[in-house]
Amino acid sequence: MAAIYAGCLALGIVLLFLREEVAGWPPADDPKTLLVYGIVLAVMGAVLHSVYFTAFFLPRRPWAWTVHLVLIALGLTSCCTLPASIPLLVSWLKPETQAWFGRRP
């Protein structure tokens, strides 16, 4: 997921700089609309990339298991990430995974 959002960040920045060149490309004919698309894509990409990237470095604590569960649930909101999020959620709810994070004795 961190790589997907890094790509969104990169494409948002590219769209910000090249919006004049792609202004005739559908669905947006106006460069100002492409500016808004680029800003939203870059900001959302930066925020979500940083959240998913920092999740790699969380310690093995019960609260970290909850943070990861919230991030998996966030991945369930997109059709593109459903094929990865559903098996990850199934394995995340197993007692072995919860015990590894200290949620179960």
PDB file of N, CA and C in Angstrom:
ATOM      1  N   MET A   1       0.816  -1.182   0.000  1.00  0.00           N
ATOM      2  CA  MET A   1       0.000   0.000   0.000  1.00  0.00           C
ATOM      3  C   MET A   1       0.870   1.260   0.000  1.00  0.00           C
ATOM      4  N   ALA A   2       1.985   1.190   0.688  1.00  0.00           N
ATOM      5  CA  ALA A   2       2.869   2.352   0.698  1.00  0.00           C
ATOM      6  C   ALA A   2       3.377   2.644  -0.709  1.00  0.00           C
ATOM      7  N   ALA A   3       3.642   1.606  -1.484  1.00  0.00           N
ATOM      8  CA  ALA A   3       4.119   1.808  -2.854  1.00  0.00           C
ATOM      9  C   ALA A   3       3.022   2.386  -3.744  1.00  0.00           C
ATOM     10  N   ILE A   4       1.786   1.952  -3.540  1.00  0.00           N
ATOM     11  CA  ILE A   4       0.678   2.490  -4.327  1.00  0.00           C
ATOM     12  C   ILE A   4       0.527   3.981  -4.066  1.00  0.00           C
ATOM     13  N   TYR A   5       0.584   4.365  -2.804  1.00  0.00           N
ATOM     14  CA  TYR A   5       0.426   5.785  -2.486  1.00  0.00           C
ATOM     15  C   TYR A   5       1.661   6.606  -2.843  1.00  0.00           C
ATOM     16  N   ALA A   6       2.825   5.993  -2.883  1.00  0.00           N
ATOM     17  CA  ALA A   6       4.000   6.702  -3.401  1.00  0.00           C
ATOM     18  C   ALA A   6       3.818   6.995  -4.887  1.00  0.00           C
ATOM     19  N   GLY A   7       3.223   6.033  -5.607  1.00  0.00           N
ATOM     20  CA  GLY A   7       2.907   6.258  -7.015  1.00  0.00           C
ATOM     21  C   GLY A   7       1.874   7.358  -7.197  1.00  0.00           C
ATOM     22  N   CYS A   8       0.871   7.402  -6.321  1.00  0.00           N
ATOM     23  CA  CYS A   8      -0.124   8.482  -6.382  1.00  0.00           C
ATOM     24  C   CYS A   8       0.529   9.834  -6.150  1.00  0.00           C
ATOM     25  N   LEU A   9       1.443   9.890  -5.197  1.00  0.00           N
ATOM     26  CA  LEU A   9       2.171  11.130  -4.938  1.00  0.00           C
ATOM     27  C   LEU A   9       2.972  11.552  -6.162  1.00  0.00           C
ATOM     28  N   ALA A  10       3.678  10.616  -6.759  1.00  0.00           N
ATOM     29  CA  ALA A  10       4.487  10.928  -7.940  1.00  0.00           C
ATOM     30  C   ALA A  10       3.620  11.379  -9.113  1.00  0.00           C
ATOM     31  N   LEU A  11       2.514  10.680  -9.342  1.00  0.00           N
ATOM     32  CA  LEU A  11       1.646  11.073 -10.446  1.00  0.00           C
ATOM     33  C   LEU A  11       0.954  12.406 -10.184  1.00  0.00           C
ATOM     34  N   GLY A  12       0.651  12.698  -8.940  1.00  0.00           N
ATOM     35  CA  GLY A  12       0.083  14.007  -8.607  1.00  0.00           C
ATOM     36  C   GLY A  12       1.059  15.125  -8.886  1.00  0.00           C
ATOM     37  N   ILE A  13       2.323  14.909  -8.572  1.00  0.00           N
ATOM     38  CA  ILE A  13       3.351  15.923  -8.841  1.00  0.00           C
ATOM     39  C   ILE A  13       3.549  16.080 -10.343  1.00  0.00           C
ATOM     40  N   VAL A  14       3.567  14.969 -11.059  1.00  0.00           N
ATOM     41  CA  VAL A  14       3.693  15.039 -12.522  1.00  0.00           C
ATOM     42  C   VAL A  14       2.510  15.796 -13.114  1.00  0.00           C
ATOM     43  N   LEU A  15       1.319  15.539 -12.615  1.00  0.00           N
ATOM     44  CA  LEU A  15       0.135  16.224 -13.106  1.00  0.00           C
ATOM     45  C   LEU A  15       0.187  17.717 -12.800  1.00  0.00           C
ATOM     46  N   LEU A  16       0.764  18.088 -11.682  1.00  0.00           N
ATOM     47  CA  LEU A  16       0.900  19.508 -11.353  1.00  0.00           C
ATOM     48  C   LEU A  16       1.813  20.228 -12.337  1.00  0.00           C
ATOM     49  N   PHE A  17       2.882  19.564 -12.724  1.00  0.00           N
ATOM     50  CA  PHE A  17       3.847  20.218 -13.613  1.00  0.00           C
ATOM     51  C   PHE A  17       3.488  20.101 -15.088  1.00  0.00           C
ATOM     52  N   LEU A  18       2.739  19.098 -15.468  1.00  0.00           N
ATOM     53  CA  LEU A  18       2.436  18.869 -16.878  1.00  0.00           C
ATOM     54  C   LEU A  18       0.969  19.093 -17.206  1.00  0.00           C
ATOM     55  N   ARG A  19       0.259  19.854 -16.399  1.00  0.00           N
ATOM     56  CA  ARG A  19      -1.175  20.031 -16.626  1.00  0.00           C
ATOM     57  C   ARG A  19      -1.471  20.800 -17.902  1.00  0.00           C
ATOM     58  N   GLU A  20      -0.598  21.677 -18.327  1.00  0.00           N
ATOM     59  CA  GLU A  20      -0.805  22.417 -19.572  1.00  0.00           C
ATOM     60  C   GLU A  20      -0.680  21.491 -20.785  1.00  0.00           C
ATOM     61  N   GLU A  21       0.211  20.497 -20.685  1.00  0.00           N
ATOM     62  CA  GLU A  21       0.421  19.583 -21.803  1.00  0.00           C
ATOM     63  C   GLU A  21      -0.723  18.596 -21.972  1.00  0.00           C
ATOM     64  N   VAL A  22      -1.410  18.267 -20.882  1.00  0.00           N
ATOM     65  CA  VAL A  22      -2.490  17.294 -20.971  1.00  0.00           C
ATOM     66  C   VAL A  22      -3.865  17.950 -20.850  1.00  0.00           C
ATOM     67  N   ALA A  23      -3.947  19.252 -21.061  1.00  0.00           N
ATOM     68  CA  ALA A  23      -5.207  19.980 -20.874  1.00  0.00           C
ATOM     69  C   ALA A  23      -6.274  19.529 -21.869  1.00  0.00           C
ATOM     70  N   GLY A  24      -5.918  19.063 -23.036  1.00  0.00           N
ATOM     71  CA  GLY A  24      -6.894  18.607 -24.003  1.00  0.00           C
ATOM     72  C   GLY A  24      -7.321  17.169 -23.803  1.00  0.00           C
ATOM     73  N   TRP A  25      -6.720  16.509 -22.836  1.00  0.00           N
ATOM     74  CA  TRP A  25      -7.022  15.105 -22.586  1.00  0.00           C
ATOM     75  C   TRP A  25      -8.286  15.000 -21.739  1.00  0.00           C
ATOM     76  N   PRO A  26      -9.235  14.163 -22.142  1.00  0.00           N
ATOM     77  CA  PRO A  26     -10.438  13.985 -21.326  1.00  0.00           C
ATOM     78  C   PRO A  26     -10.084  13.303 -20.019  1.00  0.00           C
ATOM     79  N   PRO A  27     -10.793  13.466 -18.971  1.00  0.00           N
ATOM     80  CA  PRO A  27     -12.090  14.085 -18.811  1.00  0.00           C
ATOM     81  C   PRO A  27     -12.044  15.576 -18.514  1.00  0.00           C
ATOM     82  N   ALA A  28     -10.881  16.160 -18.299  1.00  0.00           N
ATOM     83  CA  ALA A  28     -10.804  17.574 -17.930  1.00  0.00           C
ATOM     84  C   ALA A  28     -10.179  18.375 -19.063  1.00  0.00           C
ATOM     85  N   ASP A  29     -10.886  19.380 -19.521  1.00  0.00           N
ATOM     86  CA  ASP A  29     -10.350  20.241 -20.567  1.00  0.00           C
ATOM     87  C   ASP A  29      -9.715  21.499 -19.996  1.00  0.00           C
ATOM     88  N   ASP A  30      -9.983  21.792 -18.761  1.00  0.00           N
ATOM     89  CA  ASP A  30      -9.496  23.015 -18.141  1.00  0.00           C
ATOM     90  C   ASP A  30      -8.235  22.719 -17.325  1.00  0.00           C
ATOM     91  N   PRO A  31      -7.155  23.477 -17.536  1.00  0.00           N
ATOM     92  CA  PRO A  31      -5.939  23.250 -16.735  1.00  0.00           C
ATOM     93  C   PRO A  31      -6.155  23.480 -15.240  1.00  0.00           C
ATOM     94  N   LYS A  32      -7.127  24.338 -14.873  1.00  0.00           N
ATOM     95  CA  LYS A  32      -7.387  24.561 -13.442  1.00  0.00           C
ATOM     96  C   LYS A  32      -7.983  23.320 -12.782  1.00  0.00           C
ATOM     97  N   THR A  33      -8.796  22.596 -13.516  1.00  0.00           N
ATOM     98  CA  THR A  33      -9.340  21.354 -12.981  1.00  0.00           C
ATOM     99  C   THR A  33      -8.231  20.339 -12.769  1.00  0.00           C
ATOM    100  N   LEU A  34      -7.312  20.288 -13.710  1.00  0.00           N
ATOM    101  CA  LEU A  34      -6.172  19.380 -13.561  1.00  0.00           C
ATOM    102  C   LEU A  34      -5.278  19.804 -12.409  1.00  0.00           C
ATOM    103  N   LEU A  35      -5.212  21.099 -12.128  1.00  0.00           N
ATOM    104  CA  LEU A  35      -4.446  21.589 -10.981  1.00  0.00           C
ATOM    105  C   LEU A  35      -5.054  21.058  -9.685  1.00  0.00           C
ATOM    106  N   VAL A  36      -6.361  21.114  -9.582  1.00  0.00           N
ATOM    107  CA  VAL A  36      -7.031  20.604  -8.384  1.00  0.00           C
ATOM    108  C   VAL A  36      -6.833  19.097  -8.266  1.00  0.00           C
ATOM    109  N   TYR A  37      -6.972  18.370  -9.373  1.00  0.00           N
ATOM    110  CA  TYR A  37      -6.726  16.925  -9.359  1.00  0.00           C
ATOM    111  C   TYR A  37      -5.303  16.617  -8.899  1.00  0.00           C
ATOM    112  N   GLY A  38      -4.347  17.358  -9.415  1.00  0.00           N
ATOM    113  CA  GLY A  38      -2.951  17.128  -9.048  1.00  0.00           C
ATOM    114  C   GLY A  38      -2.682  17.406  -7.589  1.00  0.00           C
ATOM    115  N   ILE A  39      -3.269  18.479  -7.056  1.00  0.00           N
ATOM    116  CA  ILE A  39      -3.064  18.821  -5.649  1.00  0.00           C
ATOM    117  C   ILE A  39      -3.678  17.751  -4.749  1.00  0.00           C
ATOM    118  N   VAL A  40      -4.915  17.359  -5.044  1.00  0.00           N
ATOM    119  CA  VAL A  40      -5.582  16.345  -4.220  1.00  0.00           C
ATOM    120  C   VAL A  40      -4.816  15.026  -4.282  1.00  0.00           C
ATOM    121  N   LEU A  41      -4.399  14.617  -5.463  1.00  0.00           N
ATOM    122  CA  LEU A  41      -3.670  13.366  -5.621  1.00  0.00           C
ATOM    123  C   LEU A  41      -2.329  13.410  -4.892  1.00  0.00           C
ATOM    124  N   ALA A  42      -1.623  14.518  -4.978  1.00  0.00           N
ATOM    125  CA  ALA A  42      -0.321  14.634  -4.320  1.00  0.00           C
ATOM    126  C   ALA A  42      -0.463  14.674  -2.801  1.00  0.00           C
ATOM    127  N   VAL A  43      -1.431  15.417  -2.293  1.00  0.00           N
ATOM    128  CA  VAL A  43      -1.601  15.525  -0.842  1.00  0.00           C
ATOM    129  C   VAL A  43      -2.056  14.192  -0.248  1.00  0.00           C
ATOM    130  N   MET A  44      -3.069  13.581  -0.861  1.00  0.00           N
ATOM    131  CA  MET A  44      -3.536  12.296  -0.353  1.00  0.00           C
ATOM    132  C   MET A  44      -2.451  11.222  -0.472  1.00  0.00           C
ATOM    133  N   GLY A  45      -1.707  11.243  -1.565  1.00  0.00           N
ATOM    134  CA  GLY A  45      -0.613  10.296  -1.725  1.00  0.00           C
ATOM    135  C   GLY A  45       0.459  10.475  -0.671  1.00  0.00           C
ATOM    136  N   ALA A  46       0.803  11.721  -0.364  1.00  0.00           N
ATOM    137  CA  ALA A  46       1.840  11.989   0.636  1.00  0.00           C
ATOM    138  C   ALA A  46       1.392  11.565   2.032  1.00  0.00           C
ATOM    139  N   VAL A  47       0.178  11.907   2.392  1.00  0.00           N
ATOM    140  CA  VAL A  47      -0.317  11.567   3.729  1.00  0.00           C
ATOM    141  C   VAL A  47      -0.432  10.057   3.902  1.00  0.00           C
ATOM    142  N   LEU A  48      -1.089   9.393   2.961  1.00  0.00           N
ATOM    143  CA  LEU A  48      -1.293   7.954   3.110  1.00  0.00           C
ATOM    144  C   LEU A  48      -0.001   7.164   2.942  1.00  0.00           C
ATOM    145  N   HIS A  49       0.905   7.635   2.098  1.00  0.00           N
ATOM    146  CA  HIS A  49       2.206   6.958   1.982  1.00  0.00           C
ATOM    147  C   HIS A  49       2.965   7.050   3.303  1.00  0.00           C
ATOM    148  N   SER A  50       2.973   8.204   3.928  1.00  0.00           N
ATOM    149  CA  SER A  50       3.702   8.340   5.185  1.00  0.00           C
ATOM    150  C   SER A  50       3.084   7.485   6.290  1.00  0.00           C
ATOM    151  N   VAL A  51       1.748   7.376   6.313  1.00  0.00           N
ATOM    152  CA  VAL A  51       1.093   6.543   7.323  1.00  0.00           C
ATOM    153  C   VAL A  51       1.443   5.075   7.127  1.00  0.00           C
ATOM    154  N   TYR A  52       1.320   4.586   5.904  1.00  0.00           N
ATOM    155  CA  TYR A  52       1.616   3.177   5.642  1.00  0.00           C
ATOM    156  C   TYR A  52       3.106   2.876   5.787  1.00  0.00           C
ATOM    157  N   PHE A  53       3.963   3.812   5.438  1.00  0.00           N
ATOM    158  CA  PHE A  53       5.396   3.584   5.557  1.00  0.00           C
ATOM    159  C   PHE A  53       5.825   3.512   7.022  1.00  0.00           C
ATOM    160  N   THR A  54       5.299   4.404   7.850  1.00  0.00           N
ATOM    161  CA  THR A  54       5.675   4.371   9.266  1.00  0.00           C
ATOM    162  C   THR A  54       5.103   3.150   9.976  1.00  0.00           C
ATOM    163  N   ALA A  55       4.047   2.559   9.436  1.00  0.00           N
ATOM    164  CA  ALA A  55       3.487   1.354  10.057  1.00  0.00           C
ATOM    165  C   ALA A  55       4.471   0.184  10.005  1.00  0.00           C
ATOM    166  N   PHE A  56       5.395   0.203   9.052  1.00  0.00           N
ATOM    167  CA  PHE A  56       6.420  -0.855   8.990  1.00  0.00           C
ATOM    168  C   PHE A  56       7.304  -0.871  10.234  1.00  0.00           C
ATOM    169  N   PHE A  57       7.476   0.259  10.864  1.00  0.00           N
ATOM    170  CA  PHE A  57       8.433   0.385  11.952  1.00  0.00           C
ATOM    171  C   PHE A  57       7.795   0.416  13.336  1.00  0.00           C
ATOM    172  N   LEU A  58       6.521   0.090  13.425  1.00  0.00           N
ATOM    173  CA  LEU A  58       5.866   0.054  14.730  1.00  0.00           C
ATOM    174  C   LEU A  58       6.353  -1.156  15.516  1.00  0.00           C
ATOM    175  N   PRO A  59       6.427  -1.027  16.834  1.00  0.00           N
ATOM    176  CA  PRO A  59       6.892  -2.154  17.652  1.00  0.00           C
ATOM    177  C   PRO A  59       5.813  -3.225  17.786  1.00  0.00           C
ATOM    178  N   ARG A  60       6.208  -4.354  18.356  1.00  0.00           N
ATOM    179  CA  ARG A  60       5.258  -5.449  18.586  1.00  0.00           C
ATOM    180  C   ARG A  60       4.518  -5.199  19.890  1.00  0.00           C
ATOM    181  N   ARG A  61       3.546  -4.337  19.818  1.00  0.00           N
ATOM    182  CA  ARG A  61       2.721  -3.982  20.979  1.00  0.00           C
ATOM    183  C   ARG A  61       1.256  -4.156  20.607  1.00  0.00           C
ATOM    184  N   PRO A  62       0.383  -4.321  21.586  1.00  0.00           N
ATOM    185  CA  PRO A  62      -1.041  -4.481  21.271  1.00  0.00           C
ATOM    186  C   PRO A  62      -1.648  -3.296  20.526  1.00  0.00           C
ATOM    187  N   TRP A  63      -1.213  -2.092  20.841  1.00  0.00           N
ATOM    188  CA  TRP A  63      -1.754  -0.929  20.145  1.00  0.00           C
ATOM    189  C   TRP A  63      -1.303  -0.906  18.690  1.00  0.00           C
ATOM    190  N   ALA A  64      -0.147  -1.447  18.385  1.00  0.00           N
ATOM    191  CA  ALA A  64       0.330  -1.491  16.998  1.00  0.00           C
ATOM    192  C   ALA A  64      -0.514  -2.460  16.175  1.00  0.00           C
ATOM    193  N   TRP A  65      -0.983  -3.548  16.799  1.00  0.00           N
ATOM    194  CA  TRP A  65      -1.879  -4.469  16.102  1.00  0.00           C
ATOM    195  C   TRP A  65      -3.160  -3.743  15.693  1.00  0.00           C
ATOM    196  N   THR A  66      -3.655  -2.879  16.572  1.00  0.00           N
ATOM    197  CA  THR A  66      -4.863  -2.112  16.279  1.00  0.00           C
ATOM    198  C   THR A  66      -4.622  -1.108  15.160  1.00  0.00           C
ATOM    199  N   VAL A  67      -3.474  -0.467  15.163  1.00  0.00           N
ATOM    200  CA  VAL A  67      -3.139   0.480  14.098  1.00  0.00           C
ATOM    201  C   VAL A  67      -3.093  -0.227  12.750  1.00  0.00           C
ATOM    202  N   HIS A  68      -2.470  -1.380  12.719  1.00  0.00           N
ATOM    203  CA  HIS A  68      -2.402  -2.157  11.481  1.00  0.00           C
ATOM    204  C   HIS A  68      -3.791  -2.616  11.032  1.00  0.00           C
ATOM    205  N   LEU A  69      -4.636  -2.974  11.986  1.00  0.00           N
ATOM    206  CA  LEU A  69      -6.000  -3.382  11.655  1.00  0.00           C
ATOM    207  C   LEU A  69      -6.774  -2.223  11.029  1.00  0.00           C
ATOM    208  N   VAL A  70      -6.584  -1.029  11.544  1.00  0.00           N
ATOM    209  CA  VAL A  70      -7.238   0.152  10.961  1.00  0.00           C
ATOM    210  C   VAL A  70      -6.722   0.394   9.547  1.00  0.00           C
ATOM    211  N   LEU A  71      -5.442   0.217   9.324  1.00  0.00           N
ATOM    212  CA  LEU A  71      -4.884   0.406   7.985  1.00  0.00           C
ATOM    213  C   LEU A  71      -5.387  -0.667   7.016  1.00  0.00           C
ATOM    214  N   ILE A  72      -5.554  -1.885   7.495  1.00  0.00           N
ATOM    215  CA  ILE A  72      -6.134  -2.927   6.642  1.00  0.00           C
ATOM    216  C   ILE A  72      -7.568  -2.569   6.297  1.00  0.00           C
ATOM    217  N   ALA A  73      -8.323  -2.079   7.277  1.00  0.00           N
ATOM    218  CA  ALA A  73      -9.705  -1.672   7.027  1.00  0.00           C
ATOM    219  C   ALA A  73      -9.764  -0.508   6.043  1.00  0.00           C
ATOM    220  N   LEU A  74      -8.799   0.369   6.097  1.00  0.00           N
ATOM    221  CA  LEU A  74      -8.727   1.466   5.122  1.00  0.00           C
ATOM    222  C   LEU A  74      -8.471   0.915   3.724  1.00  0.00           C
ATOM    223  N   GLY A  75      -7.695  -0.140   3.629  1.00  0.00           N
ATOM    224  CA  GLY A  75      -7.458  -0.783   2.346  1.00  0.00           C
ATOM    225  C   GLY A  75      -8.687  -1.485   1.797  1.00  0.00           C
ATOM    226  N   LEU A  76      -9.616  -1.829   2.668  1.00  0.00           N
ATOM    227  CA  LEU A  76     -10.847  -2.480   2.226  1.00  0.00           C
ATOM    228  C   LEU A  76     -11.805  -1.518   1.530  1.00  0.00           C
ATOM    229  N   THR A  77     -11.525  -0.240   1.568  1.00  0.00           N
ATOM    230  CA  THR A  77     -12.421   0.742   0.952  1.00  0.00           C
ATOM    231  C   THR A  77     -12.187   0.910  -0.538  1.00  0.00           C
ATOM    232  N   SER A  78     -11.149   0.321  -1.083  1.00  0.00           N
ATOM    233  CA  SER A  78     -10.838   0.474  -2.493  1.00  0.00           C
ATOM    234  C   SER A  78     -10.931  -0.862  -3.215  1.00  0.00           C
ATOM    235  N   CYS A  79     -11.526  -0.850  -4.372  1.00  0.00           N
ATOM    236  CA  CYS A  79     -11.620  -2.082  -5.169  1.00  0.00           C
ATOM    237  C   CYS A  79     -10.244  -2.552  -5.635  1.00  0.00           C
ATOM    238  N   CYS A  80      -9.329  -1.628  -5.795  1.00  0.00           N
ATOM    239  CA  CYS A  80      -7.986  -1.994  -6.264  1.00  0.00           C
ATOM    240  C   CYS A  80      -7.195  -2.770  -5.215  1.00  0.00           C
ATOM    241  N   THR A  81      -7.452  -2.503  -3.949  1.00  0.00           N
ATOM    242  CA  THR A  81      -6.675  -3.145  -2.897  1.00  0.00           C
ATOM    243  C   THR A  81      -7.430  -4.261  -2.183  1.00  0.00           C
ATOM    244  N   LEU A  82      -8.661  -4.535  -2.589  1.00  0.00           N
ATOM    245  CA  LEU A  82      -9.425  -5.629  -1.974  1.00  0.00           C
ATOM    246  C   LEU A  82      -8.741  -6.990  -2.104  1.00  0.00           C
ATOM    247  N   PRO A  83      -8.172  -7.342  -3.267  1.00  0.00           N
ATOM    248  CA  PRO A  83      -7.536  -8.660  -3.359  1.00  0.00           C
ATOM    249  C   PRO A  83      -6.384  -8.862  -2.379  1.00  0.00           C
ATOM    250  N   ALA A  84      -5.734  -7.806  -1.966  1.00  0.00           N
ATOM    251  CA  ALA A  84      -4.657  -7.937  -0.985  1.00  0.00           C
ATOM    252  C   ALA A  84      -5.175  -7.769   0.440  1.00  0.00           C
ATOM    253  N   SER A  85      -6.180  -6.937   0.624  1.00  0.00           N
ATOM    254  CA  SER A  85      -6.655  -6.625   1.973  1.00  0.00           C
ATOM    255  C   SER A  85      -7.452  -7.752   2.609  1.00  0.00           C
ATOM    256  N   ILE A  86      -8.234  -8.465   1.838  1.00  0.00           N
ATOM    257  CA  ILE A  86      -9.067  -9.527   2.419  1.00  0.00           C
ATOM    258  C   ILE A  86      -8.223 -10.666   2.994  1.00  0.00           C
ATOM    259  N   PRO A  87      -7.259 -11.243   2.240  1.00  0.00           N
ATOM    260  CA  PRO A  87      -6.424 -12.286   2.861  1.00  0.00           C
ATOM    261  C   PRO A  87      -5.582 -11.760   4.024  1.00  0.00           C
ATOM    262  N   LEU A  88      -5.155 -10.516   3.926  1.00  0.00           N
ATOM    263  CA  LEU A  88      -4.386  -9.931   5.024  1.00  0.00           C
ATOM    264  C   LEU A  88      -5.248  -9.788   6.273  1.00  0.00           C
ATOM    265  N   LEU A  89      -6.501  -9.404   6.107  1.00  0.00           N
ATOM    266  CA  LEU A  89      -7.405  -9.294   7.250  1.00  0.00           C
ATOM    267  C   LEU A  89      -7.664 -10.661   7.882  1.00  0.00           C
ATOM    268  N   VAL A  90      -7.840 -11.666   7.053  1.00  0.00           N
ATOM    269  CA  VAL A  90      -8.075 -13.017   7.579  1.00  0.00           C
ATOM    270  C   VAL A  90      -6.870 -13.483   8.401  1.00  0.00           C
ATOM    271  N   SER A  91      -5.681 -13.274   7.900  1.00  0.00           N
ATOM    272  CA  SER A  91      -4.493 -13.696   8.651  1.00  0.00           C
ATOM    273  C   SER A  91      -4.240 -12.803   9.857  1.00  0.00           C
ATOM    274  N   TRP A  92      -4.667 -11.559   9.794  1.00  0.00           N
ATOM    275  CA  TRP A  92      -4.438 -10.627  10.899  1.00  0.00           C
ATOM    276  C   TRP A  92      -5.291 -10.961  12.108  1.00  0.00           C
ATOM    277  N   LEU A  93      -6.459 -11.554  11.876  1.00  0.00           N
ATOM    278  CA  LEU A  93      -7.366 -11.876  12.969  1.00  0.00           C
ATOM    279  C   LEU A  93      -7.079 -13.225  13.610  1.00  0.00           C
ATOM    280  N   LYS A  94      -6.107 -13.956  13.108  1.00  0.00           N
ATOM    281  CA  LYS A  94      -5.746 -15.255  13.688  1.00  0.00           C
ATOM    282  C   LYS A  94      -5.126 -15.062  15.069  1.00  0.00           C
ATOM    283  N   PRO A  95      -5.352 -16.030  15.951  1.00  0.00           N
ATOM    284  CA  PRO A  95      -4.784 -15.923  17.308  1.00  0.00           C
ATOM    285  C   PRO A  95      -3.256 -15.872  17.335  1.00  0.00           C
ATOM    286  N   GLU A  96      -2.608 -16.530  16.371  1.00  0.00           N
ATOM    287  CA  GLU A  96      -1.146 -16.515  16.344  1.00  0.00           C
ATOM    288  C   GLU A  96      -0.611 -15.107  16.097  1.00  0.00           C
ATOM    289  N   THR A  97      -1.258 -14.391  15.196  1.00  0.00           N
ATOM    290  CA  THR A  97      -0.820 -13.028  14.907  1.00  0.00           C
ATOM    291  C   THR A  97      -1.070 -12.119  16.098  1.00  0.00           C
ATOM    292  N   GLN A  98      -2.210 -12.291  16.732  1.00  0.00           N
ATOM    293  CA  GLN A  98      -2.510 -11.472  17.905  1.00  0.00           C
ATOM    294  C   GLN A  98      -1.548 -11.781  19.050  1.00  0.00           C
ATOM    295  N   ALA A  99      -1.182 -13.052  19.198  1.00  0.00           N
ATOM    296  CA  ALA A  99      -0.219 -13.417  20.243  1.00  0.00           C
ATOM    297  C   ALA A  99       1.156 -12.832  19.951  1.00  0.00           C
ATOM    298  N   TRP A 100       1.530 -12.755  18.692  1.00  0.00           N
ATOM    299  CA  TRP A 100       2.833 -12.196  18.332  1.00  0.00           C
ATOM    300  C   TRP A 100       2.904 -10.719  18.708  1.00  0.00           C
ATOM    301  N   PHE A 101       1.777 -10.038  18.635  1.00  0.00           N
ATOM    302  CA  PHE A 101       1.726  -8.631  19.021  1.00  0.00           C
ATOM    303  C   PHE A 101       1.431  -8.443  20.501  1.00  0.00           C
ATOM    304  N   GLY A 102       1.242  -9.516  21.241  1.00  0.00           N
ATOM    305  CA  GLY A 102       1.025  -9.424  22.687  1.00  0.00           C
ATOM    306  C   GLY A 102      -0.419  -9.160  23.069  1.00  0.00           C
ATOM    307  N   ARG A 103      -1.341  -9.407  22.171  1.00  0.00           N
ATOM    308  CA  ARG A 103      -2.756  -9.198  22.486  1.00  0.00           C
ATOM    309  C   ARG A 103      -3.356 -10.409  23.182  1.00  0.00           C
ATOM    310  N   ARG A 104      -2.739 -11.566  23.028  1.00  0.00           N
ATOM    311  CA  ARG A 104      -3.215 -12.793  23.678  1.00  0.00           C
ATOM    312  C   ARG A 104      -2.036 -13.437  24.413  1.00  0.00           C
ATOM    313  N   PRO A 105      -2.342 -14.104  25.512  1.00  0.00           N
ATOM    314  CA  PRO A 105      -1.235 -14.743  26.262  1.00  0.00           C
ATOM    315  C   PRO A 105      -0.670 -15.951  25.554  1.00  0.00           C
TER     316      PRO A 105
END
